[in-house]
C-alpha atoms as a PDB file:
ATOM      1  CA  UNK A   1    -112.411 152.728  96.456  1.00  0.00           C
ATOM      2  CA  UNK A   2    -110.919 155.315  98.695  1.00  0.00           C
ATOM      3  CA  UNK A   3    -108.650 153.826 101.212  1.00  0.00           C
ATOM      4  CA  UNK A   4    -107.067 155.447 104.267  1.00  0.00           C
ATOM      5  CA  UNK A   5    -103.798 154.003 105.439  1.00  0.00           C
ATOM      6  CA  UNK A   6    -102.752 155.084 109.033  1.00  0.00           C
ATOM      7  CA  UNK A   7     -99.356 154.883 110.233  1.00  0.00           C
ATOM      8  CA  UNK A   8     -97.665 157.289 112.288  1.00  0.00           C
ATOM      9  CA  UNK A   9     -94.261 155.754 111.402  1.00  0.00           C
ATOM     10  CA  UNK A  10     -93.313 155.145 107.672  1.00  0.00           C
ATOM     11  CA  UNK A  11     -90.613 153.427 105.951  1.00  0.00           C
ATOM     12  CA  UNK A  12     -88.967 156.646 104.638  1.00  0.00           C
ATOM     13  CA  UNK A  13     -88.489 157.923 108.196  1.00  0.00           C
ATOM     14  CA  UNK A  14     -88.534 155.045 110.239  1.00  0.00           C
ATOM     15  CA  UNK A  15     -87.417 151.903 108.290  1.00  0.00           C
ATOM     16  CA  UNK A  16     -88.608 148.649 109.912  1.00  0.00           C
ATOM     17  CA  UNK A  17     -90.315 145.218 108.905  1.00  0.00           C
ATOM     18  CA  UNK A  18     -93.496 146.602 110.016  1.00  0.00           C
ATOM     19  CA  UNK A  19     -93.184 149.899 108.101  1.00  0.00           C
ATOM     20  CA  UNK A  20     -92.026 148.225 104.830  1.00  0.00           C
ATOM     21  CA  UNK A  21     -95.152 146.044 105.237  1.00  0.00           C
ATOM     22  CA  UNK A  22     -97.382 148.979 105.044  1.00  0.00           C
ATOM     23  CA  UNK A  23     -95.719 150.732 102.292  1.00  0.00           C
ATOM     24  CA  UNK A  24     -95.957 147.398 100.354  1.00  0.00           C
ATOM     25  CA  UNK A  25     -99.693 147.272 101.130  1.00  0.00           C
ATOM     26  CA  UNK A  26    -100.173 150.826 100.186  1.00  0.00           C
ATOM     27  CA  UNK A  27     -98.597 150.631  96.700  1.00  0.00           C
ATOM     28  CA  UNK A  28    -100.199 147.118  95.899  1.00  0.00           C
ATOM     29  CA  UNK A  29    -103.641 148.667  96.711  1.00  0.00           C
ATOM     30  CA  UNK A  30    -102.953 151.681  94.633  1.00  0.00           C
ATOM     31  CA  UNK A  31    -101.579 149.589  91.739  1.00  0.00           C
ATOM     32  CA  UNK A  32    -104.959 147.899  91.541  1.00  0.00           C
ATOM     33  CA  UNK A  33    -106.678 151.155  90.845  1.00  0.00           C
ATOM     34  CA  UNK A  34    -107.793 152.576  94.326  1.00  0.00           C
ATOM     35  CA  UNK A  35    -107.194 155.921  95.843  1.00  0.00           C
ATOM     36  CA  UNK A  36    -104.848 155.634  98.601  1.00  0.00           C
ATOM     37  CA  UNK A  37    -103.843 158.076 101.034  1.00  0.00           C
ATOM     38  CA  UNK A  38    -101.382 157.425 104.088  1.00  0.00           C
ATOM     39  CA  UNK A  39    -101.891 159.466 107.016  1.00  0.00           C
ATOM     40  CA  UNK A  40     -98.714 159.830 108.963  1.00  0.00           C
ATOM     41  CA  UNK A  41     -96.137 162.116 110.658  1.00  0.00           C
ATOM     42  CA  UNK A  42     -94.416 164.182 107.959  1.00  0.00           C
ATOM     43  CA  UNK A  43     -91.200 162.756 107.009  1.00  0.00           C
ATOM     44  CA  UNK A  44     -90.550 165.057 104.000  1.00  0.00           C
ATOM     45  CA  UNK A  45     -89.019 168.699 103.855  1.00  0.00           C
ATOM     46  CA  UNK A  46     -91.053 171.653 103.358  1.00  0.00           C
ATOM     47  CA  UNK A  47     -94.281 173.328 103.925  1.00  0.00           C
ATOM     48  CA  UNK A  48     -96.192 170.987 101.716  1.00  0.00           C
ATOM     49  CA  UNK A  49     -98.941 168.912 103.769  1.00  0.00           C
ATOM     50  CA  UNK A  50     -99.377 166.201 101.208  1.00  0.00           C
ATOM     51  CA  UNK A  51     -97.578 164.754  98.070  1.00  0.00           C
ATOM     52  CA  UNK A  52     -97.979 161.707  95.890  1.00  0.00           C
ATOM     53  CA  UNK A  53     -95.230 159.004  95.631  1.00  0.00           C
ATOM     54  CA  UNK A  54     -95.537 155.759  93.604  1.00  0.00           C
ATOM     55  CA  UNK A  55     -99.401 156.537  93.287  1.00  0.00           C
ATOM     56  CA  UNK A  56     -99.797 156.792  97.024  1.00  0.00           C
ATOM     57  CA  UNK A  57    -100.744 160.084  98.429  1.00  0.00           C
ATOM     58  CA  UNK A  58     -99.015 160.845 101.949  1.00  0.00           C
ATOM     59  CA  UNK A  59    -100.824 163.313 104.302  1.00  0.00           C
ATOM     60  CA  UNK A  60     -99.132 165.020 107.064  1.00  0.00           C
ATOM     61  CA  UNK A  61    -101.316 164.615 110.120  1.00  0.00           C
ATOM     62  CA  UNK A  62     -98.340 166.029 112.434  1.00  0.00           C
ATOM     63  CA  UNK A  63     -94.902 167.324 111.756  1.00  0.00           C
ATOM     64  CA  UNK A  64     -93.199 165.300 114.318  1.00  0.00           C
ATOM     65  CA  UNK A  65     -93.678 161.593 115.451  1.00  0.00           C
ATOM     66  CA  UNK A  66     -95.582 162.647 118.748  1.00  0.00           C
ATOM     67  CA  UNK A  67     -98.218 159.851 119.352  1.00  0.00           C
ATOM     68  CA  UNK A  68    -100.603 161.868 121.312  1.00  0.00           C
ATOM     69  CA  UNK A  69    -100.563 164.845 118.962  1.00  0.00           C
ATOM     70  CA  UNK A  70    -101.130 162.294 115.978  1.00  0.00           C
ATOM     71  CA  UNK A  71    -104.092 160.729 117.848  1.00  0.00           C
ATOM     72  CA  UNK A  72    -105.731 164.009 118.635  1.00  0.00           C
ATOM     73  CA  UNK A  73    -105.397 165.357 114.868  1.00  0.00           C
ATOM     74  CA  UNK A  74    -106.103 162.071 113.060  1.00  0.00           C
ATOM     75  CA  UNK A  75    -110.038 161.807 113.378  1.00  0.00           C
ATOM     76  CA  UNK A  76    -110.882 165.092 111.839  1.00  0.00           C
ATOM     77  CA  UNK A  77    -108.369 164.313 109.165  1.00  0.00           C
ATOM     78  CA  UNK A  78    -109.927 161.103 108.444  1.00  0.00           C
ATOM     79  CA  UNK A  79    -113.511 162.664 108.699  1.00  0.00           C
ATOM     80  CA  UNK A  80    -112.472 165.158 106.145  1.00  0.00           C
ATOM     81  CA  UNK A  81    -111.254 162.584 103.690  1.00  0.00           C
ATOM     82  CA  UNK A  82    -114.260 160.211 103.974  1.00  0.00           C
ATOM     83  CA  UNK A  83    -112.667 156.917 103.004  1.00  0.00           C
ATOM     84  CA  UNK A  84    -114.491 153.683 102.243  1.00  0.00           C
ATOM     85  CA  UNK A  85    -112.207 151.776 104.583  1.00  0.00           C
ATOM     86  CA  UNK A  86    -109.398 152.600 107.042  1.00  0.00           C
ATOM     87  CA  UNK A  87    -106.482 150.109 107.304  1.00  0.00           C
ATOM     88  CA  UNK A  88    -104.234 150.993 110.429  1.00  0.00           C
ATOM     89  CA  UNK A  89    -101.045 149.679 111.719  1.00  0.00           C
ATOM     90  CA  UNK A  90    -101.414 148.035 115.360  1.00  0.00           C
ATOM     91  CA  UNK A  91     -98.477 149.895 116.495  1.00  0.00           C
ATOM     92  CA  UNK A  92     -98.668 152.421 118.592  1.00  0.00           C
ATOM     93  CA  UNK A  93    -102.201 151.303 119.691  1.00  0.00           C
ATOM     94  CA  UNK A  94    -103.240 154.814 120.453  1.00  0.00           C
ATOM     95  CA  UNK A  95    -103.409 155.536 116.694  1.00  0.00           C
ATOM     96  CA  UNK A  96    -105.819 152.586 116.442  1.00  0.00           C
ATOM     97  CA  UNK A  97    -108.044 154.101 119.003  1.00  0.00           C
ATOM     98  CA  UNK A  98    -107.939 157.458 117.077  1.00  0.00           C
ATOM     99  CA  UNK A  99    -108.461 155.752 113.672  1.00  0.00           C
ATOM    100  CA  UNK A 100    -111.697 154.134 115.026  1.00  0.00           C
ATOM    101  CA  UNK A 101    -112.987 157.634 116.124  1.00  0.00           C
ATOM    102  CA  UNK A 102    -112.235 158.789 112.657  1.00  0.00           C
ATOM    103  CA  UNK A 103    -113.938 155.761 111.308  1.00  0.00           C
ATOM    104  CA  UNK A 104    -117.142 156.689 113.237  1.00  0.00           C
ATOM    105  CA  UNK A 105    -117.081 160.183 111.805  1.00  0.00           C
ATOM    106  CA  UNK A 106    -116.436 158.964 108.264  1.00  0.00           C
ATOM    107  CA  UNK A 107    -118.707 155.852 108.718  1.00  0.00           C
ATOM    108  CA  UNK A 108    -115.845 153.649 107.560  1.00  0.00           C
ATOM    109  CA  UNK A 109    -114.909 150.106 108.881  1.00  0.00           C
ATOM    110  CA  UNK A 110    -111.414 149.923 110.469  1.00  0.00           C
ATOM    111  CA  UNK A 111    -108.980 147.096 109.746  1.00  0.00           C
ATOM    112  CA  UNK A 112    -105.892 146.697 111.893  1.00  0.00           C
ATOM    113  CA  UNK A 113    -102.730 145.148 110.379  1.00  0.00           C
ATOM    114  CA  UNK A 114    -100.983 143.499 113.150  1.00  0.00           C
ATOM    115  CA  UNK A 115     -97.162 142.951 112.320  1.00  0.00           C
ATOM    116  CA  UNK A 116     -96.081 141.933 115.919  1.00  0.00           C
ATOM    117  CA  UNK A 117     -98.065 141.549 119.250  1.00  0.00           C
ATOM    118  CA  UNK A 118     -96.279 142.488 122.395  1.00  0.00           C
ATOM    119  CA  UNK A 119     -97.699 143.965 125.596  1.00  0.00           C
ATOM    120  CA  UNK A 120     -95.837 147.196 125.678  1.00  0.00           C
ATOM    121  CA  UNK A 121     -96.066 149.689 128.580  1.00  0.00           C
ATOM    122  CA  UNK A 122    -100.091 149.871 128.601  1.00  0.00           C
ATOM    123  CA  UNK A 123    -101.417 146.332 127.430  1.00  0.00           C
ATOM    124  CA  UNK A 124    -105.033 147.533 128.132  1.00  0.00           C
ATOM    125  CA  UNK A 125    -104.853 150.095 125.361  1.00  0.00           C
ATOM    126  CA  UNK A 126    -103.652 147.446 122.993  1.00  0.00           C
ATOM    127  CA  UNK A 127    -106.399 144.921 124.015  1.00  0.00           C
ATOM    128  CA  UNK A 128    -109.061 147.921 123.764  1.00  0.00           C
ATOM    129  CA  UNK A 129    -107.938 148.884 120.384  1.00  0.00           C
ATOM    130  CA  UNK A 130    -107.952 145.328 119.195  1.00  0.00           C
ATOM    131  CA  UNK A 131    -111.682 144.960 119.857  1.00  0.00           C
ATOM    132  CA  UNK A 132    -112.612 148.186 118.065  1.00  0.00           C
ATOM    133  CA  UNK A 133    -111.771 146.795 114.585  1.00  0.00           C
ATOM    134  CA  UNK A 134    -114.087 145.166 112.143  1.00  0.00           C
ATOM    135  CA  UNK A 135    -111.432 142.986 110.771  1.00  0.00           C
ATOM    136  CA  UNK A 136    -107.709 142.106 111.381  1.00  0.00           C
ATOM    137  CA  UNK A 137    -104.945 141.032 109.107  1.00  0.00           C
ATOM    138  CA  UNK A 138    -101.723 139.140 110.149  1.00  0.00           C
ATOM    139  CA  UNK A 139     -98.678 137.909 108.356  1.00  0.00           C
ATOM    140  CA  UNK A 140     -98.299 134.477 110.178  1.00  0.00           C
ATOM    141  CA  UNK A 141    -100.056 131.870 112.094  1.00  0.00           C
ATOM    142  CA  UNK A 142     -97.803 132.834 115.311  1.00  0.00           C
ATOM    143  CA  UNK A 143     -99.266 136.354 114.950  1.00  0.00           C
ATOM    144  CA  UNK A 144    -102.669 135.202 114.402  1.00  0.00           C
ATOM    145  CA  UNK A 145    -102.557 133.080 117.672  1.00  0.00           C
ATOM    146  CA  UNK A 146    -101.434 136.053 119.679  1.00  0.00           C
ATOM    147  CA  UNK A 147    -104.115 138.254 118.344  1.00  0.00           C
ATOM    148  CA  UNK A 148    -106.641 135.454 119.138  1.00  0.00           C
ATOM    149  CA  UNK A 149    -105.415 135.543 122.613  1.00  0.00           C
ATOM    150  CA  UNK A 150    -106.524 139.193 122.924  1.00  0.00           C
ATOM    151  CA  UNK A 151    -110.098 137.867 122.613  1.00  0.00           C
ATOM    152  CA  UNK A 152    -110.410 138.176 118.906  1.00  0.00           C
ATOM    153  CA  UNK A 153    -112.772 135.597 116.996  1.00  0.00           C
ATOM    154  CA  UNK A 154    -111.337 133.550 114.424  1.00  0.00           C
ATOM    155  CA  UNK A 155    -113.771 134.665 111.701  1.00  0.00           C
ATOM    156  CA  UNK A 156    -112.360 138.348 111.791  1.00  0.00           C
ATOM    157  CA  UNK A 157    -108.682 137.521 111.112  1.00  0.00           C
ATOM    158  CA  UNK A 158    -107.128 137.215 107.956  1.00  0.00           C
ATOM    159  CA  UNK A 159    -103.540 135.694 107.204  1.00  0.00           C
ATOM    160  CA  UNK A 160    -101.755 137.660 104.608  1.00  0.00           C
ATOM    161  CA  UNK A 161     -98.229 136.405 104.579  1.00  0.00           C
ATOM    162  CA  UNK A 162     -95.381 138.679 103.181  1.00  0.00           C
ATOM    163  CA  UNK A 163     -94.508 138.483  99.518  1.00  0.00           C
ATOM    164  CA  UNK A 164     -91.348 137.901  97.432  1.00  0.00           C
ATOM    165  CA  UNK A 165     -90.692 138.518  93.681  1.00  0.00           C
ATOM    166  CA  UNK A 166     -90.302 135.290  91.833  1.00  0.00           C
ATOM    167  CA  UNK A 167     -89.455 137.076  88.789  1.00  0.00           C
ATOM    168  CA  UNK A 168     -86.239 138.470  90.406  1.00  0.00           C
ATOM    169  CA  UNK A 169     -85.141 134.874  91.227  1.00  0.00           C
ATOM    170  CA  UNK A 170     -85.857 133.629  87.681  1.00  0.00           C
ATOM    171  CA  UNK A 171     -83.746 136.617  86.264  1.00  0.00           C
ATOM    172  CA  UNK A 172     -80.947 136.531  88.754  1.00  0.00           C
ATOM    173  CA  UNK A 173     -77.693 134.974  87.785  1.00  0.00           C
ATOM    174  CA  UNK A 174     -75.909 132.318  90.116  1.00  0.00           C
ATOM    175  CA  UNK A 175     -73.176 133.473  92.180  1.00  0.00           C
ATOM    176  CA  UNK A 176     -70.665 131.002  93.789  1.00  0.00           C
ATOM    177  CA  UNK A 177     -69.897 133.122  96.930  1.00  0.00           C
ATOM    178  CA  UNK A 178     -70.942 130.739  99.722  1.00  0.00           C
ATOM    179  CA  UNK A 179     -72.370 127.228 100.761  1.00  0.00           C
ATOM    180  CA  UNK A 180     -74.049 128.411 103.783  1.00  0.00           C
ATOM    181  CA  UNK A 181     -75.857 131.875 104.044  1.00  0.00           C
ATOM    182  CA  UNK A 182     -77.308 133.833 106.893  1.00  0.00           C
ATOM    183  CA  UNK A 183     -79.395 137.007 106.108  1.00  0.00           C
ATOM    184  CA  UNK A 184     -81.041 139.476 108.614  1.00  0.00           C
ATOM    185  CA  UNK A 185     -80.702 142.790 110.042  1.00  0.00           C
ATOM    186  CA  UNK A 186     -77.844 142.533 112.431  1.00  0.00           C
ATOM    187  CA  UNK A 187     -79.317 143.740 115.719  1.00  0.00           C
ATOM    188  CA  UNK A 188     -80.234 142.288 119.089  1.00  0.00           C
ATOM    189  CA  UNK A 189     -82.963 139.968 117.853  1.00  0.00           C
ATOM    190  CA  UNK A 190     -80.718 138.436 114.933  1.00  0.00           C
ATOM    191  CA  UNK A 191     -79.108 135.832 117.376  1.00  0.00           C
ATOM    192  CA  UNK A 192     -76.117 135.674 114.939  1.00  0.00           C
ATOM    193  CA  UNK A 193     -73.835 134.172 117.639  1.00  0.00           C
ATOM    194  CA  UNK A 194     -75.743 130.988 117.361  1.00  0.00           C
ATOM    195  CA  UNK A 195     -75.044 130.833 113.600  1.00  0.00           C
ATOM    196  CA  UNK A 196     -71.323 131.588 114.152  1.00  0.00           C
ATOM    197  CA  UNK A 197     -70.991 128.974 116.768  1.00  0.00           C
ATOM    198  CA  UNK A 198     -72.506 126.589 114.508  1.00  0.00           C
ATOM    199  CA  UNK A 199     -69.893 127.374 111.736  1.00  0.00           C
ATOM    200  CA  UNK A 200     -67.191 127.161 114.206  1.00  0.00           C
ATOM    201  CA  UNK A 201     -68.388 123.608 115.099  1.00  0.00           C
ATOM    202  CA  UNK A 202     -67.679 122.523 111.267  1.00  0.00           C
ATOM    203  CA  UNK A 203     -64.002 123.797 111.252  1.00  0.00           C
ATOM    204  CA  UNK A 204     -62.760 120.335 110.001  1.00  0.00           C
ATOM    205  CA  UNK A 205     -65.410 120.644 106.961  1.00  0.00           C
ATOM    206  CA  UNK A 206     -64.867 122.511 103.665  1.00  0.00           C
ATOM    207  CA  UNK A 207     -67.392 125.329 103.520  1.00  0.00           C
ATOM    208  CA  UNK A 208     -67.746 129.134 102.820  1.00  0.00           C
ATOM    209  CA  UNK A 209     -70.228 131.269 104.452  1.00  0.00           C
ATOM    210  CA  UNK A 210     -71.898 134.687 103.872  1.00  0.00           C
ATOM    211  CA  UNK A 211     -73.460 136.930 106.500  1.00  0.00           C
ATOM    212  CA  UNK A 212     -75.865 139.415 104.694  1.00  0.00           C
ATOM    213  CA  UNK A 213     -76.876 142.438 106.533  1.00  0.00           C
ATOM    214  CA  UNK A 214     -76.192 145.610 108.333  1.00  0.00           C
ATOM    215  CA  UNK A 215     -77.284 146.840 111.848  1.00  0.00           C
ATOM    216  CA  UNK A 216     -75.789 147.865 115.082  1.00  0.00           C
ATOM    217  CA  UNK A 217     -74.384 144.458 115.919  1.00  0.00           C
ATOM    218  CA  UNK A 218     -72.415 143.867 112.644  1.00  0.00           C
ATOM    219  CA  UNK A 219     -69.039 144.944 114.093  1.00  0.00           C
ATOM    220  CA  UNK A 220     -69.491 142.493 117.042  1.00  0.00           C
ATOM    221  CA  UNK A 221     -70.512 139.945 114.602  1.00  0.00           C
ATOM    222  CA  UNK A 222     -67.025 140.266 112.772  1.00  0.00           C
ATOM    223  CA  UNK A 223     -65.252 140.255 115.891  1.00  0.00           C
ATOM    224  CA  UNK A 224     -66.947 136.971 117.025  1.00  0.00           C
ATOM    225  CA  UNK A 225     -66.170 135.403 113.605  1.00  0.00           C
ATOM    226  CA  UNK A 226     -62.650 136.435 114.167  1.00  0.00           C
ATOM    227  CA  UNK A 227     -62.364 135.134 117.765  1.00  0.00           C
ATOM    228  CA  UNK A 228     -63.741 131.868 116.517  1.00  0.00           C
ATOM    229  CA  UNK A 229     -61.189 131.751 113.713  1.00  0.00           C
ATOM    230  CA  UNK A 230     -63.608 131.522 110.863  1.00  0.00           C
ATOM    231  CA  UNK A 231     -63.629 135.059 109.574  1.00  0.00           C
ATOM    232  CA  UNK A 232     -61.107 133.993 106.689  1.00  0.00           C
ATOM    233  CA  UNK A 233     -64.083 131.634 105.470  1.00  0.00           C
ATOM    234  CA  UNK A 234     -67.046 133.966 106.381  1.00  0.00           C
ATOM    235  CA  UNK A 235     -67.923 137.109 103.867  1.00  0.00           C
ATOM    236  CA  UNK A 236     -69.825 139.847 105.443  1.00  0.00           C
ATOM    237  CA  UNK A 237     -72.073 141.590 102.798  1.00  0.00           C
ATOM    238  CA  UNK A 238     -73.424 145.062 103.805  1.00  0.00           C
ATOM    239  CA  UNK A 239     -76.816 144.984 102.256  1.00  0.00           C
ATOM    240  CA  UNK A 240     -80.340 143.620 102.445  1.00  0.00           C
ATOM    241  CA  UNK A 241     -81.103 144.240  98.699  1.00  0.00           C
ATOM    242  CA  UNK A 242     -82.559 141.203  96.874  1.00  0.00           C
ATOM    243  CA  UNK A 243     -80.707 142.320  93.725  1.00  0.00           C
ATOM    244  CA  UNK A 244     -77.562 141.385  95.751  1.00  0.00           C
ATOM    245  CA  UNK A 245     -78.484 138.402  97.943  1.00  0.00           C
ATOM    246  CA  UNK A 246     -80.680 136.351  95.402  1.00  0.00           C
ATOM    247  CA  UNK A 247     -77.704 135.360  93.242  1.00  0.00           C
ATOM    248  CA  UNK A 248     -75.832 134.308  96.538  1.00  0.00           C
ATOM    249  CA  UNK A 249     -78.774 132.336  97.617  1.00  0.00           C
ATOM    250  CA  UNK A 250     -79.057 130.415  94.043  1.00  0.00           C
ATOM    251  CA  UNK A 251     -75.531 129.409  94.421  1.00  0.00           C
ATOM    252  CA  UNK A 252     -75.654 128.448  98.076  1.00  0.00           C
ATOM    253  CA  UNK A 253     -76.865 125.104  99.633  1.00  0.00           C
ATOM    254  CA  UNK A 254     -77.734 125.942 103.093  1.00  0.00           C
ATOM    255  CA  UNK A 255     -79.601 129.050 104.790  1.00  0.00           C
ATOM    256  CA  UNK A 256     -79.625 129.248 108.704  1.00  0.00           C
ATOM    257  CA  UNK A 257     -82.416 131.003 110.450  1.00  0.00           C
ATOM    258  CA  UNK A 258     -81.892 131.904 114.086  1.00  0.00           C
ATOM    259  CA  UNK A 259     -83.458 135.257 114.728  1.00  0.00           C
ATOM    260  CA  UNK A 260     -85.166 135.427 117.993  1.00  0.00           C
ATOM    261  CA  UNK A 261     -88.120 137.734 116.758  1.00  0.00           C
ATOM    262  CA  UNK A 262     -89.461 137.085 113.378  1.00  0.00           C
ATOM    263  CA  UNK A 263     -93.250 137.692 112.675  1.00  0.00           C
ATOM    264  CA  UNK A 264     -92.733 136.555 109.214  1.00  0.00           C
ATOM    265  CA  UNK A 265     -89.312 134.949 107.941  1.00  0.00           C
ATOM    266  CA  UNK A 266     -89.148 136.729 104.685  1.00  0.00           C
ATOM    267  CA  UNK A 267     -85.521 135.987 104.194  1.00  0.00           C
ATOM    268  CA  UNK A 268     -85.960 132.348 104.629  1.00  0.00           C
ATOM    269  CA  UNK A 269     -88.837 132.357 102.229  1.00  0.00           C
ATOM    270  CA  UNK A 270     -86.404 134.055  99.521  1.00  0.00           C
ATOM    271  CA  UNK A 271     -83.948 131.313 100.507  1.00  0.00           C
ATOM    272  CA  UNK A 272     -86.256 128.266  99.998  1.00  0.00           C
ATOM    273  CA  UNK A 273     -87.629 129.796  96.761  1.00  0.00           C
ATOM    274  CA  UNK A 274     -83.803 130.015  95.536  1.00  0.00           C
ATOM    275  CA  UNK A 275     -83.312 126.239  96.321  1.00  0.00           C
ATOM    276  CA  UNK A 276     -81.581 126.364  99.518  1.00  0.00           C
ATOM    277  CA  UNK A 277     -82.253 123.794 102.434  1.00  0.00           C
ATOM    278  CA  UNK A 278     -83.317 125.927 105.396  1.00  0.00           C
ATOM    279  CA  UNK A 279     -82.038 124.982 108.922  1.00  0.00           C
ATOM    280  CA  UNK A 280     -84.515 126.873 111.325  1.00  0.00           C
ATOM    281  CA  UNK A 281     -83.830 127.118 114.945  1.00  0.00           C
ATOM    282  CA  UNK A 282     -87.090 127.252 116.879  1.00  0.00           C
ATOM    283  CA  UNK A 283     -87.734 130.632 118.758  1.00  0.00           C
ATOM    284  CA  UNK A 284     -90.958 131.433 120.743  1.00  0.00           C
ATOM    285  CA  UNK A 285     -91.241 134.898 119.044  1.00  0.00           C
ATOM    286  CA  UNK A 286     -90.526 133.496 115.455  1.00  0.00           C
ATOM    287  CA  UNK A 287     -92.930 132.352 113.035  1.00  0.00           C
ATOM    288  CA  UNK A 288     -89.833 130.779 110.825  1.00  0.00           C
ATOM    289  CA  UNK A 289     -90.644 127.262 111.834  1.00  0.00           C
ATOM    290  CA  UNK A 290     -93.915 127.490 110.092  1.00  0.00           C
ATOM    291  CA  UNK A 291     -92.156 127.425 106.682  1.00  0.00           C
ATOM    292  CA  UNK A 292     -89.666 124.942 107.895  1.00  0.00           C
ATOM    293  CA  UNK A 293     -92.336 122.455 108.985  1.00  0.00           C
ATOM    294  CA  UNK A 294     -94.555 122.771 105.828  1.00  0.00           C
ATOM    295  CA  UNK A 295     -91.747 122.762 103.204  1.00  0.00           C
ATOM    296  CA  UNK A 296     -89.738 119.748 101.767  1.00  0.00           C
ATOM    297  CA  UNK A 297     -86.683 121.632 102.178  1.00  0.00           C
ATOM    298  CA  UNK A 298     -86.954 123.017 105.814  1.00  0.00           C
ATOM    299  CA  UNK A 299     -85.149 121.305 108.747  1.00  0.00           C
ATOM    300  CA  UNK A 300     -86.609 122.542 112.087  1.00  0.00           C
ATOM    301  CA  UNK A 301     -84.258 122.473 115.226  1.00  0.00           C
ATOM    302  CA  UNK A 302     -84.939 123.142 118.597  1.00  0.00           C
ATOM    303  CA  UNK A 303     -81.300 123.947 120.131  1.00  0.00           C
ATOM    304  CA  UNK A 304     -78.728 126.017 118.782  1.00  0.00           C
ATOM    305  CA  UNK A 305     -75.960 123.164 119.460  1.00  0.00           C
ATOM    306  CA  UNK A 306     -78.052 121.288 116.545  1.00  0.00           C
ATOM    307  CA  UNK A 307     -76.908 123.863 113.994  1.00  0.00           C
ATOM    308  CA  UNK A 308     -73.658 122.240 113.135  1.00  0.00           C
ATOM    309  CA  UNK A 309     -74.908 118.806 112.660  1.00  0.00           C
ATOM    310  CA  UNK A 310     -77.864 119.860 110.875  1.00  0.00           C
ATOM    311  CA  UNK A 311     -75.615 122.018 108.369  1.00  0.00           C
ATOM    312  CA  UNK A 312     -73.556 118.876 107.778  1.00  0.00           C
ATOM    313  CA  UNK A 313     -76.469 116.777 107.159  1.00  0.00           C
ATOM    314  CA  UNK A 314     -78.260 118.952 104.599  1.00  0.00           C
ATOM    315  CA  UNK A 315     -75.077 120.065 102.985  1.00  0.00           C
ATOM    316  CA  UNK A 316     -74.939 116.507 101.547  1.00  0.00           C
ATOM    317  CA  UNK A 317     -78.076 116.822  99.809  1.00  0.00           C
ATOM    318  CA  UNK A 318     -78.197 117.986  96.275  1.00  0.00           C
ATOM    319  CA  UNK A 319     -79.119 121.486  95.936  1.00  0.00           C
ATOM    320  CA  UNK A 320     -82.649 121.952  94.533  1.00  0.00           C
ATOM    321  CA  UNK A 321     -82.794 124.665  92.034  1.00  0.00           C
ATOM    322  CA  UNK A 322     -85.690 126.956  91.811  1.00  0.00           C
ATOM    323  CA  UNK A 323     -87.894 126.057  88.870  1.00  0.00           C
END
């Protein structure tokens, strides 16, 4: 089967949870023996308009990440490729409209992969684009509900959660770095202050914590830990690589999830699979509570003030190792 993946942004040029998901989908489909081409903005150097990486062919529709130019040039590119199916990222919504036009020329159905649903500057474009697709895929129940609020019927929405590699967990060693772990990109949505304040409420307890991740809020997080006088017991690890954080998770007891925006809580899934107990703060734009409520090692809480007491309670449990 010939599959066209449409994503103006790619992980190589614009790393984010959404673009990483599209790359995983592309490479997985290619690994199953299908012909996969990603139609995107050029992110590589030189005059070559297409090349293959990890069995996936990348096709430069435009040389820059210009949304309108990309939307204009996409339909003829898809028509020429003549795919059997078109799989398009929901953002930006204008590329969905263009993918649908290309699908009409190529006589191919269009599937929208939703990572997050938000109004943006022109919500009517998003709603219009949503109704043009033959099918929709989403990572979580929260995103599915938001997609259905656009007027999409249940029977054309399929939930495909984000994967993790259990083999990496099985092979990893156990590292005694921390009792309590926080993993996320340290940006405005990480809500790491809630985690650090929770640790500060446990000053009279014996613990070691690890904050794993990089981002624009890292320096501020370190300063907050210093101001709360817990920096000496909090280790900051500058990576989001499973090869580094899985051994730490296997040696930890508690994982704390506080992010304000999380279409799928992949790091929480890693932690639960490593044997941690998950303390999950409910957030309106986070799906993390879905894992906590349906897992025997998940502890959902509704207020950040409950983090300290929840950590104290679950830390008493015997750590359940991944089997």
